[in-house]
Amino acid sequence: MKLNEDFEKVITEEKIERWRYPRFFADTSGESVVITGEDAKHISIVLRIKAGELAVLCDGNGEDSLCRITAVNRDYVEFAVMDRQKNEAEPDVFVTLYQCLPKGDKMDFIVQKATELGVSRVVPVLSKRCVSRPDEKNAGKKIQRWQKIAEEASKQCGRGKIPQIGDLTDFKKAVAEYSVEKTGILFYECGGMKLSELPLENAKEIDVFIGSEGGFEAEEAKLAVEHGIVAATLGKRILRCETAPVAALAVLMNLTGNM
């Protein structure tokens, strides 16, 4: 059966094993690499990895290094680089998610799942219907937390880069910064174009705008359209604010050949 033959050609033992190795982000420019701090403690105490075992180190720029661990203790872990390859999990489209702040810890979930789906950047946004409105100090703490979540999700899902969490901004500023050289999509609960109708095949940069609970006000949607952003729909069902970005990113990655 051809399907099984193709599967056997693509799925090699080496690829299977690489997905099983623990992954960490580090500077891999040399032939040996030393990791310290929290990652060293995690490797030695939590994962209990021993010298001689294998791991994958990511340089954060899309290159993976297969390494053998040569020394382990709670303060540092030393790796010997055996092989370098381009990371295969990174999409070829740069997607920025402008996510209007939801209530509670929903943003934790959104950042994690957006990272798994291949987003390159997440920008928290304050729109008119946002109930959550952290002050500058609390916003800074939340951004640090979301950046850590993005890093951990990148390790888990095999990413070669860690999505960056941008500073908290307001909706008008986010829209004003949009460049028509990119593809801008605002998902609007009151209707818009189907994603299948948008010319996304050759898109290199996509800005995605998702509302908080209650979505966007009509004047916000109008402002976005005036700046060249397309209003789009995810169907006739109203999705929760934490479901919408997952659905949108999954469809976009599929339409751009990254799924």
C-alpha atoms as a PDB file:
ATOM      1  CA  MET A   1       0.000   0.000   0.000  1.00  0.00           C
ATOM      2  CA  LYS A   2       1.551   3.311  -1.111  1.00  0.00           C
ATOM      3  CA  LEU A   3       0.541   5.186   2.048  1.00  0.00           C
ATOM      4  CA  ASN A   4       2.487   2.767   4.227  1.00  0.00           C
ATOM      5  CA  GLU A   5       5.465   2.903   1.852  1.00  0.00           C
ATOM      6  CA  ASP A   6       5.536   6.709   2.024  1.00  0.00           C
ATOM      7  CA  PHE A   7       5.245   6.567   5.795  1.00  0.00           C
ATOM      8  CA  GLU A   8       8.239   4.256   6.050  1.00  0.00           C
ATOM      9  CA  LYS A   9      10.311   6.547   3.824  1.00  0.00           C
ATOM     10  CA  VAL A  10       9.558   9.658   5.893  1.00  0.00           C
ATOM     11  CA  ILE A  11       9.485   8.227   9.426  1.00  0.00           C
ATOM     12  CA  THR A  12      12.997   7.041  10.216  1.00  0.00           C
ATOM     13  CA  GLU A  13      14.259   5.687  13.516  1.00  0.00           C
ATOM     14  CA  GLU A  14      16.447   8.771  13.908  1.00  0.00           C
ATOM     15  CA  LYS A  15      13.440  11.107  13.659  1.00  0.00           C
ATOM     16  CA  ILE A  16      11.477   9.027  16.137  1.00  0.00           C
ATOM     17  CA  GLU A  17      14.302   9.116  18.674  1.00  0.00           C
ATOM     18  CA  ARG A  18      14.940  12.848  18.315  1.00  0.00           C
ATOM     19  CA  TRP A  19      11.391  13.597  19.465  1.00  0.00           C
ATOM     20  CA  ARG A  20      11.993  11.583  22.644  1.00  0.00           C
ATOM     21  CA  TYR A  21      15.049  13.502  23.789  1.00  0.00           C
ATOM     22  CA  PRO A  22      14.612  16.394  26.239  1.00  0.00           C
ATOM     23  CA  ARG A  23      15.073  19.818  24.661  1.00  0.00           C
ATOM     24  CA  PHE A  24      16.640  22.990  26.035  1.00  0.00           C
ATOM     25  CA  PHE A  25      17.550  26.423  24.652  1.00  0.00           C
ATOM     26  CA  ALA A  26      21.204  27.462  24.849  1.00  0.00           C
ATOM     27  CA  ASP A  27      24.095  29.017  22.932  1.00  0.00           C
ATOM     28  CA  THR A  28      25.377  26.131  20.826  1.00  0.00           C
ATOM     29  CA  SER A  29      28.115  27.952  18.889  1.00  0.00           C
ATOM     30  CA  GLY A  30      30.915  25.831  20.383  1.00  0.00           C
ATOM     31  CA  GLU A  31      31.619  22.112  20.323  1.00  0.00           C
ATOM     32  CA  SER A  32      30.805  21.880  24.024  1.00  0.00           C
ATOM     33  CA  VAL A  33      27.979  23.644  25.843  1.00  0.00           C
ATOM     34  CA  VAL A  34      27.420  24.327  29.549  1.00  0.00           C
ATOM     35  CA  ILE A  35      23.960  25.018  30.993  1.00  0.00           C
ATOM     36  CA  THR A  36      23.574  26.510  34.477  1.00  0.00           C
ATOM     37  CA  GLY A  37      20.730  27.857  36.618  1.00  0.00           C
ATOM     38  CA  GLU A  38      17.190  26.499  36.650  1.00  0.00           C
ATOM     39  CA  ASP A  39      17.658  24.294  33.593  1.00  0.00           C
ATOM     40  CA  ALA A  40      20.648  22.577  35.228  1.00  0.00           C
ATOM     41  CA  LYS A  41      18.606  21.872  38.357  1.00  0.00           C
ATOM     42  CA  HIS A  42      15.707  20.618  36.243  1.00  0.00           C
ATOM     43  CA  ILE A  43      17.981  18.255  34.306  1.00  0.00           C
ATOM     44  CA  SER A  44      19.800  16.867  37.331  1.00  0.00           C
ATOM     45  CA  ILE A  45      17.086  16.843  40.010  1.00  0.00           C
ATOM     46  CA  VAL A  46      13.710  16.632  38.228  1.00  0.00           C
ATOM     47  CA  LEU A  47      14.559  14.697  35.063  1.00  0.00           C
ATOM     48  CA  ARG A  48      17.454  12.821  36.722  1.00  0.00           C
ATOM     49  CA  ILE A  49      19.365  12.669  33.471  1.00  0.00           C
ATOM     50  CA  LYS A  50      22.780  11.040  33.730  1.00  0.00           C
ATOM     51  CA  ALA A  51      26.054  11.543  31.906  1.00  0.00           C
ATOM     52  CA  GLY A  52      26.058   9.636  28.627  1.00  0.00           C
ATOM     53  CA  GLU A  53      22.416  10.346  27.788  1.00  0.00           C
ATOM     54  CA  LEU A  54      21.325  12.405  24.780  1.00  0.00           C
ATOM     55  CA  ALA A  55      19.482  15.719  24.569  1.00  0.00           C
ATOM     56  CA  VAL A  56      18.697  18.333  21.935  1.00  0.00           C
ATOM     57  CA  LEU A  57      19.863  21.916  22.404  1.00  0.00           C
ATOM     58  CA  CYS A  58      18.202  24.698  20.407  1.00  0.00           C
ATOM     59  CA  ASP A  59      20.066  27.920  19.656  1.00  0.00           C
ATOM     60  CA  GLY A  60      16.825  29.946  19.469  1.00  0.00           C
ATOM     61  CA  ASN A  61      17.433  30.778  15.804  1.00  0.00           C
ATOM     62  CA  GLY A  62      16.112  27.594  14.240  1.00  0.00           C
ATOM     63  CA  GLU A  63      19.086  25.237  14.597  1.00  0.00           C
ATOM     64  CA  ASP A  64      18.994  22.068  16.728  1.00  0.00           C
ATOM     65  CA  SER A  65      22.082  20.319  18.087  1.00  0.00           C
ATOM     66  CA  LEU A  66      22.005  16.681  19.107  1.00  0.00           C
ATOM     67  CA  CYS A  67      24.256  16.439  22.170  1.00  0.00           C
ATOM     68  CA  ARG A  68      25.621  13.868  24.567  1.00  0.00           C
ATOM     69  CA  ILE A  69      25.719  14.881  28.219  1.00  0.00           C
ATOM     70  CA  THR A  70      29.252  14.596  29.584  1.00  0.00           C
ATOM     71  CA  ALA A  71      28.832  15.934  33.135  1.00  0.00           C
ATOM     72  CA  VAL A  72      25.841  16.551  35.417  1.00  0.00           C
ATOM     73  CA  ASN A  73      25.316  18.198  38.787  1.00  0.00           C
ATOM     74  CA  ARG A  74      22.750  20.595  40.219  1.00  0.00           C
ATOM     75  CA  ASP A  75      24.830  23.670  39.346  1.00  0.00           C
ATOM     76  CA  TYR A  76      25.755  22.920  35.749  1.00  0.00           C
ATOM     77  CA  VAL A  77      25.348  20.388  32.951  1.00  0.00           C
ATOM     78  CA  GLU A  78      27.919  19.930  30.212  1.00  0.00           C
ATOM     79  CA  PHE A  79      27.068  18.791  26.689  1.00  0.00           C
ATOM     80  CA  ALA A  80      29.199  17.644  23.743  1.00  0.00           C
ATOM     81  CA  VAL A  81      27.708  18.610  20.365  1.00  0.00           C
ATOM     82  CA  MET A  82      27.414  15.602  18.051  1.00  0.00           C
ATOM     83  CA  ASP A  83      25.309  16.871  15.159  1.00  0.00           C
ATOM     84  CA  ARG A  84      23.579  20.054  13.994  1.00  0.00           C
ATOM     85  CA  GLN A  85      20.422  20.288  11.909  1.00  0.00           C
ATOM     86  CA  LYS A  86      17.893  22.918  10.900  1.00  0.00           C
ATOM     87  CA  ASN A  87      14.836  22.759  13.114  1.00  0.00           C
ATOM     88  CA  GLU A  88      11.919  21.338  11.125  1.00  0.00           C
ATOM     89  CA  ALA A  89       9.114  22.570  13.393  1.00  0.00           C
ATOM     90  CA  GLU A  90       9.351  26.300  12.639  1.00  0.00           C
ATOM     91  CA  PRO A  91       6.729  27.697  10.221  1.00  0.00           C
ATOM     92  CA  ASP A  92       7.812  29.796   7.246  1.00  0.00           C
ATOM     93  CA  VAL A  93       5.284  32.506   8.109  1.00  0.00           C
ATOM     94  CA  PHE A  94       5.757  35.051  10.920  1.00  0.00           C
ATOM     95  CA  VAL A  95       2.479  35.308  12.823  1.00  0.00           C
ATOM     96  CA  THR A  96       1.865  37.934  15.496  1.00  0.00           C
ATOM     97  CA  LEU A  97      -1.139  37.344  17.729  1.00  0.00           C
ATOM     98  CA  TYR A  98      -2.644  40.543  19.114  1.00  0.00           C
ATOM     99  CA  GLN A  99      -4.720  39.069  21.921  1.00  0.00           C
ATOM    100  CA  CYS A 100      -7.083  41.303  23.872  1.00  0.00           C
ATOM    101  CA  LEU A 101      -6.702  40.453  27.556  1.00  0.00           C
ATOM    102  CA  PRO A 102      -9.193  37.902  28.880  1.00  0.00           C
ATOM    103  CA  LYS A 103     -10.180  37.427  32.508  1.00  0.00           C
ATOM    104  CA  GLY A 104      -8.384  35.144  34.957  1.00  0.00           C
ATOM    105  CA  ASP A 105      -5.611  32.863  33.754  1.00  0.00           C
ATOM    106  CA  LYS A 106      -7.001  32.281  30.243  1.00  0.00           C
ATOM    107  CA  MET A 107      -4.012  34.098  28.745  1.00  0.00           C
ATOM    108  CA  ASP A 108      -1.733  31.361  30.121  1.00  0.00           C
ATOM    109  CA  PHE A 109      -3.634  28.816  28.029  1.00  0.00           C
ATOM    110  CA  ILE A 110      -3.649  31.068  24.955  1.00  0.00           C
ATOM    111  CA  VAL A 111       0.120  31.667  25.059  1.00  0.00           C
ATOM    112  CA  GLN A 112       0.828  27.965  25.516  1.00  0.00           C
ATOM    113  CA  LYS A 113      -1.402  26.815  22.659  1.00  0.00           C
ATOM    114  CA  ALA A 114      -0.374  29.654  20.338  1.00  0.00           C
ATOM    115  CA  THR A 115       3.247  28.610  20.854  1.00  0.00           C
ATOM    116  CA  GLU A 116       2.439  24.997  20.022  1.00  0.00           C
ATOM    117  CA  LEU A 117       0.679  26.130  16.853  1.00  0.00           C
ATOM    118  CA  GLY A 118       3.677  28.131  15.628  1.00  0.00           C
ATOM    119  CA  VAL A 119       3.023  31.756  16.551  1.00  0.00           C
ATOM    120  CA  SER A 120       6.126  33.965  16.464  1.00  0.00           C
ATOM    121  CA  ARG A 121       4.967  36.789  18.724  1.00  0.00           C
ATOM    122  CA  VAL A 122       2.128  37.439  21.161  1.00  0.00           C
ATOM    123  CA  VAL A 123       1.123  40.997  22.070  1.00  0.00           C
ATOM    124  CA  PRO A 124      -1.349  41.514  24.941  1.00  0.00           C
ATOM    125  CA  VAL A 125      -3.870  44.223  24.040  1.00  0.00           C
ATOM    126  CA  LEU A 126      -6.379  46.321  25.958  1.00  0.00           C
ATOM    127  CA  SER A 127      -9.594  46.842  24.008  1.00  0.00           C
ATOM    128  CA  LYS A 128     -12.805  48.503  25.162  1.00  0.00           C
ATOM    129  CA  ARG A 129     -14.440  45.282  26.364  1.00  0.00           C
ATOM    130  CA  CYS A 130     -11.454  44.010  28.361  1.00  0.00           C
ATOM    131  CA  VAL A 131     -12.414  43.427  31.992  1.00  0.00           C
ATOM    132  CA  SER A 132      -8.834  42.591  32.994  1.00  0.00           C
ATOM    133  CA  ARG A 133      -6.839  45.836  33.161  1.00  0.00           C
ATOM    134  CA  PRO A 134      -3.579  45.287  35.066  1.00  0.00           C
ATOM    135  CA  ASP A 135      -1.479  48.255  36.109  1.00  0.00           C
ATOM    136  CA  GLU A 136       2.077  48.636  34.810  1.00  0.00           C
ATOM    137  CA  LYS A 137       3.664  46.665  37.666  1.00  0.00           C
ATOM    138  CA  ASN A 138       1.250  43.740  37.438  1.00  0.00           C
ATOM    139  CA  ALA A 139       1.422  43.763  33.642  1.00  0.00           C
ATOM    140  CA  GLY A 140       5.194  43.401  33.828  1.00  0.00           C
ATOM    141  CA  LYS A 141       4.863  40.360  36.107  1.00  0.00           C
ATOM    142  CA  LYS A 142       2.289  38.794  33.820  1.00  0.00           C
ATOM    143  CA  ILE A 143       4.481  39.299  30.749  1.00  0.00           C
ATOM    144  CA  GLN A 144       7.388  37.575  32.492  1.00  0.00           C
ATOM    145  CA  ARG A 145       5.094  34.669  33.347  1.00  0.00           C
ATOM    146  CA  TRP A 146       3.794  34.406  29.776  1.00  0.00           C
ATOM    147  CA  GLN A 147       7.351  34.494  28.416  1.00  0.00           C
ATOM    148  CA  LYS A 148       8.251  31.554  30.666  1.00  0.00           C
ATOM    149  CA  ILE A 149       5.142  29.677  29.497  1.00  0.00           C
ATOM    150  CA  ALA A 150       6.165  30.292  25.874  1.00  0.00           C
ATOM    151  CA  GLU A 151       9.651  28.942  26.574  1.00  0.00           C
ATOM    152  CA  GLU A 152       8.369  25.782  28.257  1.00  0.00           C
ATOM    153  CA  ALA A 153       5.824  25.207  25.489  1.00  0.00           C
ATOM    154  CA  SER A 154       8.569  25.654  22.867  1.00  0.00           C
ATOM    155  CA  LYS A 155      10.642  22.933  24.532  1.00  0.00           C
ATOM    156  CA  GLN A 156       7.673  20.592  24.775  1.00  0.00           C
ATOM    157  CA  CYS A 157       6.505  20.915  21.173  1.00  0.00           C
ATOM    158  CA  GLY A 158       9.900  20.924  19.471  1.00  0.00           C
ATOM    159  CA  ARG A 159      10.110  24.551  18.388  1.00  0.00           C
ATOM    160  CA  GLY A 160      13.431  25.991  17.287  1.00  0.00           C
ATOM    161  CA  LYS A 161      12.536  29.508  18.434  1.00  0.00           C
ATOM    162  CA  ILE A 162      10.770  30.937  21.470  1.00  0.00           C
ATOM    163  CA  PRO A 163       7.875  33.293  20.676  1.00  0.00           C
ATOM    164  CA  GLN A 164       8.364  36.744  22.132  1.00  0.00           C
ATOM    165  CA  ILE A 165       5.733  38.294  24.386  1.00  0.00           C
ATOM    166  CA  GLY A 166       5.343  41.979  23.613  1.00  0.00           C
ATOM    167  CA  ASP A 167       4.540  44.804  25.989  1.00  0.00           C
ATOM    168  CA  LEU A 168       0.923  45.493  26.892  1.00  0.00           C
ATOM    169  CA  THR A 169      -0.570  47.973  24.431  1.00  0.00           C
ATOM    170  CA  ASP A 170      -3.988  49.436  23.654  1.00  0.00           C
ATOM    171  CA  PHE A 171      -6.040  48.491  20.628  1.00  0.00           C
ATOM    172  CA  LYS A 172      -5.768  51.829  18.818  1.00  0.00           C
ATOM    173  CA  LYS A 173      -1.983  51.784  19.063  1.00  0.00           C
ATOM    174  CA  ALA A 174      -1.795  48.171  17.894  1.00  0.00           C
ATOM    175  CA  VAL A 175      -3.914  48.981  14.838  1.00  0.00           C
ATOM    176  CA  ALA A 176      -1.955  52.164  14.106  1.00  0.00           C
ATOM    177  CA  GLU A 177       1.291  50.174  14.012  1.00  0.00           C
ATOM    178  CA  TYR A 178      -0.055  47.774  11.384  1.00  0.00           C
ATOM    179  CA  SER A 179       1.731  47.865   8.035  1.00  0.00           C
ATOM    180  CA  VAL A 180      -0.180  47.097   4.826  1.00  0.00           C
ATOM    181  CA  GLU A 181       2.890  45.187   3.630  1.00  0.00           C
ATOM    182  CA  LYS A 182       1.723  42.430   5.980  1.00  0.00           C
ATOM    183  CA  THR A 183      -1.570  40.527   6.078  1.00  0.00           C
ATOM    184  CA  GLY A 184      -3.836  41.740   8.874  1.00  0.00           C
ATOM    185  CA  ILE A 185      -6.867  39.785  10.035  1.00  0.00           C
ATOM    186  CA  LEU A 186      -9.345  40.815  12.731  1.00  0.00           C
ATOM    187  CA  PHE A 187     -11.687  38.042  13.787  1.00  0.00           C
ATOM    188  CA  TYR A 188     -15.061  39.655  14.248  1.00  0.00           C
ATOM    189  CA  GLU A 189     -18.034  37.888  15.783  1.00  0.00           C
ATOM    190  CA  CYS A 190     -20.460  39.954  13.703  1.00  0.00           C
ATOM    191  CA  GLY A 191     -19.139  38.579  10.416  1.00  0.00           C
ATOM    192  CA  GLY A 192     -16.452  38.966   7.809  1.00  0.00           C
ATOM    193  CA  MET A 193     -14.638  37.065   5.077  1.00  0.00           C
ATOM    194  CA  LYS A 194     -13.991  33.352   5.253  1.00  0.00           C
ATOM    195  CA  LEU A 195     -10.317  32.516   5.732  1.00  0.00           C
ATOM    196  CA  SER A 196     -10.486  30.282   2.673  1.00  0.00           C
ATOM    197  CA  GLU A 197     -11.283  33.402   0.605  1.00  0.00           C
ATOM    198  CA  LEU A 198      -8.121  35.259   1.648  1.00  0.00           C
ATOM    199  CA  PRO A 199      -4.961  35.029  -0.525  1.00  0.00           C
ATOM    200  CA  LEU A 200      -2.668  33.521   2.115  1.00  0.00           C
ATOM    201  CA  GLU A 201      -0.525  31.136   0.060  1.00  0.00           C
ATOM    202  CA  ASN A 202       2.396  33.562  -0.249  1.00  0.00           C
ATOM    203  CA  ALA A 203       1.902  35.422   3.030  1.00  0.00           C
ATOM    204  CA  LYS A 204       5.122  35.918   4.990  1.00  0.00           C
ATOM    205  CA  GLU A 205       3.836  38.026   7.898  1.00  0.00           C
ATOM    206  CA  ILE A 206       0.343  37.824   9.358  1.00  0.00           C
ATOM    207  CA  ASP A 207      -1.068  39.952  12.186  1.00  0.00           C
ATOM    208  CA  VAL A 208      -4.028  38.324  13.937  1.00  0.00           C
ATOM    209  CA  PHE A 209      -6.387  40.331  16.169  1.00  0.00           C
ATOM    210  CA  ILE A 210      -8.572  38.414  18.652  1.00  0.00           C
ATOM    211  CA  GLY A 211     -10.998  40.027  21.098  1.00  0.00           C
ATOM    212  CA  SER A 212     -11.526  39.371  24.792  1.00  0.00           C
ATOM    213  CA  GLU A 213     -14.827  38.263  26.306  1.00  0.00           C
ATOM    214  CA  GLY A 214     -17.559  40.030  24.334  1.00  0.00           C
ATOM    215  CA  GLY A 215     -15.334  40.520  21.291  1.00  0.00           C
ATOM    216  CA  PHE A 216     -14.778  43.877  19.609  1.00  0.00           C
ATOM    217  CA  GLU A 217     -17.014  46.914  19.510  1.00  0.00           C
ATOM    218  CA  ALA A 218     -18.225  47.967  16.075  1.00  0.00           C
ATOM    219  CA  GLU A 219     -16.099  51.130  16.075  1.00  0.00           C
ATOM    220  CA  GLU A 220     -12.981  49.065  16.812  1.00  0.00           C
ATOM    221  CA  ALA A 221     -13.693  46.751  13.894  1.00  0.00           C
ATOM    222  CA  LYS A 222     -14.299  49.797  11.679  1.00  0.00           C
ATOM    223  CA  LEU A 223     -10.989  51.350  12.776  1.00  0.00           C
ATOM    224  CA  ALA A 224      -9.111  48.165  11.948  1.00  0.00           C
ATOM    225  CA  VAL A 225     -10.673  47.954   8.475  1.00  0.00           C
ATOM    226  CA  GLU A 226      -9.797  51.606   7.823  1.00  0.00           C
ATOM    227  CA  HIS A 227      -6.144  50.708   8.488  1.00  0.00           C
ATOM    228  CA  GLY A 228      -6.202  47.891   5.927  1.00  0.00           C
ATOM    229  CA  ILE A 229      -6.943  44.998   8.271  1.00  0.00           C
ATOM    230  CA  VAL A 230      -9.465  42.473   6.970  1.00  0.00           C
ATOM    231  CA  ALA A 231     -12.446  41.477   9.106  1.00  0.00           C
ATOM    232  CA  ALA A 232     -12.827  37.686   9.051  1.00  0.00           C
ATOM    233  CA  THR A 233     -15.074  35.071  10.567  1.00  0.00           C
ATOM    234  CA  LEU A 234     -14.502  31.684  12.185  1.00  0.00           C
ATOM    235  CA  GLY A 235     -18.019  30.556  11.390  1.00  0.00           C
ATOM    236  CA  LYS A 236     -21.499  31.075  12.741  1.00  0.00           C
ATOM    237  CA  ARG A 237     -20.767  29.661  16.196  1.00  0.00           C
ATOM    238  CA  ILE A 238     -19.524  32.109  18.816  1.00  0.00           C
ATOM    239  CA  LEU A 239     -16.214  30.827  20.176  1.00  0.00           C
ATOM    240  CA  ARG A 240     -14.891  31.594  23.636  1.00  0.00           C
ATOM    241  CA  CYS A 241     -12.011  34.080  23.693  1.00  0.00           C
ATOM    242  CA  GLU A 242      -9.536  31.304  24.567  1.00  0.00           C
ATOM    243  CA  THR A 243     -10.867  29.025  21.805  1.00  0.00           C
ATOM    244  CA  ALA A 244     -10.826  31.616  19.009  1.00  0.00           C
ATOM    245  CA  PRO A 245      -7.028  32.066  18.783  1.00  0.00           C
ATOM    246  CA  VAL A 246      -6.468  28.302  18.777  1.00  0.00           C
ATOM    247  CA  ALA A 247      -8.977  27.810  15.960  1.00  0.00           C
ATOM    248  CA  ALA A 248      -7.684  30.809  14.000  1.00  0.00           C
ATOM    249  CA  LEU A 249      -4.031  29.843  14.225  1.00  0.00           C
ATOM    250  CA  ALA A 250      -4.696  26.213  13.339  1.00  0.00           C
ATOM    251  CA  VAL A 251      -6.591  27.229  10.190  1.00  0.00           C
ATOM    252  CA  LEU A 252      -3.984  29.838   9.219  1.00  0.00           C
ATOM    253  CA  MET A 253      -1.118  27.396   9.625  1.00  0.00           C
ATOM    254  CA  ASN A 254      -2.972  24.900   7.470  1.00  0.00           C
ATOM    255  CA  LEU A 255      -3.763  27.435   4.740  1.00  0.00           C
ATOM    256  CA  THR A 256      -0.125  28.595   4.600  1.00  0.00           C
ATOM    257  CA  GLY A 257       1.203  25.025   4.386  1.00  0.00           C
ATOM    258  CA  ASN A 258       2.529  24.921   7.927  1.00  0.00           C
ATOM    259  CA  MET A 259       0.247  22.280   9.397  1.00  0.00           C
END
